[in-house]
Amino acid sequence: MIPLNNSGRRIPRIVRVLLWVMGGLILAAGLLLVLIPTLDGPHSRLLANEASAVSTLRTIITLQDQYSAAHAYSGFACELPLLKPLGQQMFPDYSLEFLITGVRSGYKFSMVSCGPDANRARVHYQVTAVPVEKGATGARTFCADESGVIWYDFEEFGTRCLTSRHPLE
C-alpha cells in the first residue's frame, strides 16, 4: 500500500525516509534528556574523587617502594615531598604536585606513622587520604601501609581507617 497525503497524492519515498529519520532523532533526543541527569548524578564527582584518591594512594605506595630501594639504609620516607623522584626535583611534574601540597581531587594525604627498626631504618609507614569536606568531596577515608593493601572507612579520621582495615575490593 502506498501512503497518500491529504489531497490523495503519493508521498515521495525520500520524504517518508526523512520523516522516519526525524522521528528517530526526536526519540533519541528525548532519551538523552532523560539519561544525562542520571549519568552525571549528584554523586558522580564524589565517586570520581574517591577513585582519584585510591589511584593516588597506589602512586604513593609505588613511590615508597622506589624510595626504600634507593635508600636501603634509611628505609621509607616519612614525608610526602621526599617521595618526588630525583630527576623531577628541578622540573615541575604537575601529576606529582600533591606530594608538595598534600591535596588532590578533594582529598588530603598525610603520612601518619613511620616506624624504625633497631638499626634506625624506617621499616613501617602509614598514609591516609581524608576527604577535605566529608560528604561533598568524598564519603570514605582511605589508608594504606607498607604492605601495599588499601583500606577504607566511612569515618572521617584516618586513624580509624588504619584500625578498622576494611579492604578495598
C-alpha atoms as a PDB file:
ATOM      1  CA  MET A   1       0.000   0.000   0.000  1.00  0.00           C
ATOM      2  CA  ILE A   2       1.359   3.415  -0.981  1.00  0.00           C
ATOM      3  CA  PRO A   3       0.926   6.200   1.623  1.00  0.00           C
ATOM      4  CA  LEU A   4      -1.139   9.138   0.455  1.00  0.00           C
ATOM      5  CA  ASN A   5      -1.229  12.727   1.706  1.00  0.00           C
ATOM      6  CA  ASN A   6      -4.456  14.665   2.424  1.00  0.00           C
ATOM      7  CA  SER A   7      -5.015  15.521  -1.240  1.00  0.00           C
ATOM      8  CA  GLY A   8      -4.766  11.900  -2.356  1.00  0.00           C
ATOM      9  CA  ARG A   9      -1.273  12.148  -3.880  1.00  0.00           C
ATOM     10  CA  ARG A  10       1.598   9.770  -3.214  1.00  0.00           C
ATOM     11  CA  ILE A  11       4.174  10.864  -0.643  1.00  0.00           C
ATOM     12  CA  PRO A  12       7.630  10.601  -2.222  1.00  0.00           C
ATOM     13  CA  ARG A  13       9.911   7.925  -0.762  1.00  0.00           C
ATOM     14  CA  ILE A  14      12.588  10.435   0.247  1.00  0.00           C
ATOM     15  CA  VAL A  15      10.048  12.368   2.326  1.00  0.00           C
ATOM     16  CA  ARG A  16       8.948   9.171   4.095  1.00  0.00           C
ATOM     17  CA  VAL A  17      12.589   8.322   4.897  1.00  0.00           C
ATOM     18  CA  LEU A  18      13.219  11.838   6.180  1.00  0.00           C
ATOM     19  CA  LEU A  19      10.118  11.633   8.397  1.00  0.00           C
ATOM     20  CA  TRP A  20      11.382   8.351   9.911  1.00  0.00           C
ATOM     21  CA  VAL A  21      14.862   9.823  10.462  1.00  0.00           C
ATOM     22  CA  MET A  22      13.416  12.940  12.094  1.00  0.00           C
ATOM     23  CA  GLY A  23      11.218  10.807  14.331  1.00  0.00           C
ATOM     24  CA  GLY A  24      14.248   8.719  15.362  1.00  0.00           C
ATOM     25  CA  LEU A  25      16.277  11.839  16.147  1.00  0.00           C
ATOM     26  CA  ILE A  26      13.459  13.258  18.260  1.00  0.00           C
ATOM     27  CA  LEU A  27      13.194   9.958  20.146  1.00  0.00           C
ATOM     28  CA  ALA A  28      16.998   9.843  20.701  1.00  0.00           C
ATOM     29  CA  ALA A  29      16.997  13.451  21.955  1.00  0.00           C
ATOM     30  CA  GLY A  30      14.203  12.630  24.387  1.00  0.00           C
ATOM     31  CA  LEU A  31      16.141   9.640  25.735  1.00  0.00           C
ATOM     32  CA  LEU A  32      19.265  11.788  26.205  1.00  0.00           C
ATOM     33  CA  LEU A  33      17.271  14.357  28.148  1.00  0.00           C
ATOM     34  CA  VAL A  34      16.147  11.589  30.480  1.00  0.00           C
ATOM     35  CA  LEU A  35      19.524   9.799  30.824  1.00  0.00           C
ATOM     36  CA  ILE A  36      22.036  12.668  31.101  1.00  0.00           C
ATOM     37  CA  PRO A  37      20.970  13.713  34.609  1.00  0.00           C
ATOM     38  CA  THR A  38      21.340  10.065  35.670  1.00  0.00           C
ATOM     39  CA  LEU A  39      24.822   9.721  34.157  1.00  0.00           C
ATOM     40  CA  ASP A  40      26.043  12.902  35.828  1.00  0.00           C
ATOM     41  CA  GLY A  41      24.149  12.441  39.055  1.00  0.00           C
ATOM     42  CA  PRO A  42      24.755  14.197  42.340  1.00  0.00           C
ATOM     43  CA  HIS A  43      27.365  11.662  43.458  1.00  0.00           C
ATOM     44  CA  SER A  44      29.396  11.392  40.244  1.00  0.00           C
ATOM     45  CA  ARG A  45      32.005  13.969  41.347  1.00  0.00           C
ATOM     46  CA  LEU A  46      32.247  12.339  44.765  1.00  0.00           C
ATOM     47  CA  LEU A  47      32.855   8.904  43.196  1.00  0.00           C
ATOM     48  CA  ALA A  48      35.431  10.364  40.797  1.00  0.00           C
ATOM     49  CA  ASN A  49      37.270  11.950  43.745  1.00  0.00           C
ATOM     50  CA  GLU A  50      37.285   8.636  45.597  1.00  0.00           C
ATOM     51  CA  ALA A  51      38.689   6.833  42.552  1.00  0.00           C
ATOM     52  CA  SER A  52      41.376   9.503  42.251  1.00  0.00           C
ATOM     53  CA  ALA A  53      42.240   9.135  45.956  1.00  0.00           C
ATOM     54  CA  VAL A  54      42.694   5.369  45.582  1.00  0.00           C
ATOM     55  CA  SER A  55      44.843   5.892  42.487  1.00  0.00           C
ATOM     56  CA  THR A  56      46.942   8.454  44.348  1.00  0.00           C
ATOM     57  CA  LEU A  57      47.452   6.027  47.238  1.00  0.00           C
ATOM     58  CA  ARG A  58      48.672   3.429  44.740  1.00  0.00           C
ATOM     59  CA  THR A  59      51.116   6.027  43.401  1.00  0.00           C
ATOM     60  CA  ILE A  60      52.359   6.736  46.936  1.00  0.00           C
ATOM     61  CA  ILE A  61      52.840   3.003  47.580  1.00  0.00           C
ATOM     62  CA  THR A  62      54.878   2.687  44.372  1.00  0.00           C
ATOM     63  CA  LEU A  63      56.949   5.784  45.198  1.00  0.00           C
ATOM     64  CA  GLN A  64      57.579   4.464  48.728  1.00  0.00           C
ATOM     65  CA  ASP A  65      58.841   1.159  47.290  1.00  0.00           C
ATOM     66  CA  GLN A  66      61.153   3.054  44.929  1.00  0.00           C
ATOM     67  CA  TYR A  67      62.359   5.340  47.714  1.00  0.00           C
ATOM     68  CA  SER A  68      63.050   2.411  50.037  1.00  0.00           C
ATOM     69  CA  ALA A  69      65.004   0.594  47.323  1.00  0.00           C
ATOM     70  CA  ALA A  70      67.097   3.715  46.655  1.00  0.00           C
ATOM     71  CA  HIS A  71      67.633   4.413  50.389  1.00  0.00           C
ATOM     72  CA  ALA A  72      68.281   0.939  51.754  1.00  0.00           C
ATOM     73  CA  TYR A  73      69.836   2.201  54.991  1.00  0.00           C
ATOM     74  CA  SER A  74      67.096   4.685  55.889  1.00  0.00           C
ATOM     75  CA  GLY A  75      64.041   2.843  54.537  1.00  0.00           C
ATOM     76  CA  PHE A  76      60.739   4.546  53.774  1.00  0.00           C
ATOM     77  CA  ALA A  77      60.115   8.294  53.541  1.00  0.00           C
ATOM     78  CA  CYS A  78      58.212   9.888  56.403  1.00  0.00           C
ATOM     79  CA  GLU A  79      57.204  12.990  54.432  1.00  0.00           C
ATOM     80  CA  LEU A  80      55.385  13.139  51.093  1.00  0.00           C
ATOM     81  CA  PRO A  81      57.743  15.703  49.462  1.00  0.00           C
ATOM     82  CA  LEU A  82      60.656  13.277  49.879  1.00  0.00           C
ATOM     83  CA  LEU A  83      58.909  10.847  47.519  1.00  0.00           C
ATOM     84  CA  LYS A  84      59.314  13.098  44.477  1.00  0.00           C
ATOM     85  CA  PRO A  85      61.667  11.236  42.108  1.00  0.00           C
ATOM     86  CA  LEU A  86      65.196  12.684  41.951  1.00  0.00           C
ATOM     87  CA  GLY A  87      65.073  13.510  38.241  1.00  0.00           C
ATOM     88  CA  GLN A  88      61.994  15.679  38.821  1.00  0.00           C
ATOM     89  CA  GLN A  89      63.288  17.816  41.694  1.00  0.00           C
ATOM     90  CA  MET A  90      64.247  20.707  39.375  1.00  0.00           C
ATOM     91  CA  PHE A  91      61.390  20.438  36.889  1.00  0.00           C
ATOM     92  CA  PRO A  92      57.757  20.553  37.996  1.00  0.00           C
ATOM     93  CA  ASP A  93      55.681  17.464  37.348  1.00  0.00           C
ATOM     94  CA  TYR A  94      52.114  18.571  37.966  1.00  0.00           C
ATOM     95  CA  SER A  95      50.883  14.982  38.267  1.00  0.00           C
ATOM     96  CA  LEU A  96      53.024  14.693  41.427  1.00  0.00           C
ATOM     97  CA  GLU A  97      52.197  18.146  42.811  1.00  0.00           C
ATOM     98  CA  PHE A  98      50.141  16.503  45.562  1.00  0.00           C
ATOM     99  CA  LEU A  99      53.438  15.403  47.119  1.00  0.00           C
ATOM    100  CA  ILE A 100      54.122  19.052  47.936  1.00  0.00           C
ATOM    101  CA  THR A 101      50.581  20.293  48.678  1.00  0.00           C
ATOM    102  CA  GLY A 102      49.223  17.085  50.226  1.00  0.00           C
ATOM    103  CA  VAL A 103      45.887  17.679  48.458  1.00  0.00           C
ATOM    104  CA  ARG A 104      44.443  16.144  45.307  1.00  0.00           C
ATOM    105  CA  SER A 105      40.876  15.787  43.991  1.00  0.00           C
ATOM    106  CA  GLY A 106      39.203  16.810  47.241  1.00  0.00           C
ATOM    107  CA  TYR A 107      41.357  14.592  49.481  1.00  0.00           C
ATOM    108  CA  LYS A 108      44.108  15.446  51.970  1.00  0.00           C
ATOM    109  CA  PHE A 109      47.009  12.969  52.006  1.00  0.00           C
ATOM    110  CA  SER A 110      49.186  12.530  55.084  1.00  0.00           C
ATOM    111  CA  MET A 111      51.972  10.292  56.296  1.00  0.00           C
ATOM    112  CA  VAL A 112      50.806   9.484  59.819  1.00  0.00           C
ATOM    113  CA  SER A 113      53.293   6.976  61.106  1.00  0.00           C
ATOM    114  CA  CYS A 114      56.831   5.985  60.290  1.00  0.00           C
ATOM    115  CA  GLY A 115      58.464   3.286  62.363  1.00  0.00           C
ATOM    116  CA  PRO A 116      62.173   2.478  62.600  1.00  0.00           C
ATOM    117  CA  ASP A 117      63.644  -0.884  63.476  1.00  0.00           C
ATOM    118  CA  ALA A 118      66.597  -1.493  65.832  1.00  0.00           C
ATOM    119  CA  ASN A 119      69.010  -0.223  63.146  1.00  0.00           C
ATOM    120  CA  ARG A 120      67.070   3.051  62.881  1.00  0.00           C
ATOM    121  CA  ALA A 121      65.863   2.245  59.369  1.00  0.00           C
ATOM    122  CA  ARG A 122      62.226   3.189  58.758  1.00  0.00           C
ATOM    123  CA  VAL A 123      60.580  -0.145  58.018  1.00  0.00           C
ATOM    124  CA  HIS A 124      56.968   0.961  58.558  1.00  0.00           C
ATOM    125  CA  TYR A 125      54.816   3.747  57.172  1.00  0.00           C
ATOM    126  CA  GLN A 126      51.119   4.567  57.101  1.00  0.00           C
ATOM    127  CA  VAL A 127      49.415   7.005  54.772  1.00  0.00           C
ATOM    128  CA  THR A 128      45.852   8.326  54.861  1.00  0.00           C
ATOM    129  CA  ALA A 129      43.564  10.051  52.367  1.00  0.00           C
ATOM    130  CA  VAL A 130      40.819  12.005  54.143  1.00  0.00           C
ATOM    131  CA  PRO A 131      38.064  13.969  52.319  1.00  0.00           C
ATOM    132  CA  VAL A 132      38.644  17.718  52.561  1.00  0.00           C
ATOM    133  CA  GLU A 133      34.890  18.164  53.013  1.00  0.00           C
ATOM    134  CA  LYS A 134      33.146  14.998  54.190  1.00  0.00           C
ATOM    135  CA  GLY A 135      30.117  14.204  52.026  1.00  0.00           C
ATOM    136  CA  ALA A 136      30.992  16.795  49.382  1.00  0.00           C
ATOM    137  CA  THR A 137      34.466  15.792  48.153  1.00  0.00           C
ATOM    138  CA  GLY A 138      34.343  12.195  49.357  1.00  0.00           C
ATOM    139  CA  ALA A 139      32.334   9.821  51.516  1.00  0.00           C
ATOM    140  CA  ARG A 140      35.088   7.420  52.543  1.00  0.00           C
ATOM    141  CA  THR A 141      38.525   7.740  54.089  1.00  0.00           C
ATOM    142  CA  PHE A 142      41.269   5.594  52.566  1.00  0.00           C
ATOM    143  CA  CYS A 143      44.544   4.388  54.032  1.00  0.00           C
ATOM    144  CA  ALA A 144      47.478   2.072  53.354  1.00  0.00           C
ATOM    145  CA  ASP A 145      50.746   0.926  54.825  1.00  0.00           C
ATOM    146  CA  GLU A 146      53.967  -0.749  53.696  1.00  0.00           C
ATOM    147  CA  SER A 147      52.028  -3.952  52.875  1.00  0.00           C
ATOM    148  CA  GLY A 148      50.570  -2.182  49.816  1.00  0.00           C
ATOM    149  CA  VAL A 149      46.981  -3.004  50.779  1.00  0.00           C
ATOM    150  CA  ILE A 150      44.449  -0.158  50.591  1.00  0.00           C
ATOM    151  CA  TRP A 151      41.660   0.017  53.163  1.00  0.00           C
ATOM    152  CA  TYR A 152      38.678   2.301  53.648  1.00  0.00           C
ATOM    153  CA  ASP A 153      36.357   3.500  56.388  1.00  0.00           C
ATOM    154  CA  PHE A 154      33.319   5.764  56.448  1.00  0.00           C
ATOM    155  CA  GLU A 155      34.625   7.773  59.410  1.00  0.00           C
ATOM    156  CA  GLU A 156      36.475  10.951  58.583  1.00  0.00           C
ATOM    157  CA  PHE A 157      39.511  10.100  60.681  1.00  0.00           C
ATOM    158  CA  GLY A 158      42.499   8.411  59.065  1.00  0.00           C
ATOM    159  CA  THR A 159      43.451   6.622  62.288  1.00  0.00           C
ATOM    160  CA  ARG A 160      40.060   4.901  62.339  1.00  0.00           C
ATOM    161  CA  CYS A 161      40.683   3.643  58.802  1.00  0.00           C
ATOM    162  CA  LEU A 162      44.014   2.200  59.878  1.00  0.00           C
ATOM    163  CA  THR A 163      42.461   0.325  62.799  1.00  0.00           C
ATOM    164  CA  SER A 164      39.262  -0.922  61.106  1.00  0.00           C
ATOM    165  CA  ARG A 165      41.050  -2.040  57.908  1.00  0.00           C
ATOM    166  CA  HIS A 166      38.080  -2.704  55.629  1.00  0.00           C
ATOM    167  CA  PRO A 167      39.851  -3.952  52.465  1.00  0.00           C
ATOM    168  CA  LEU A 168      39.076  -2.149  49.243  1.00  0.00           C
ATOM    169  CA  GLU A 169      37.714  -4.565  46.672  1.00  0.00           C
END
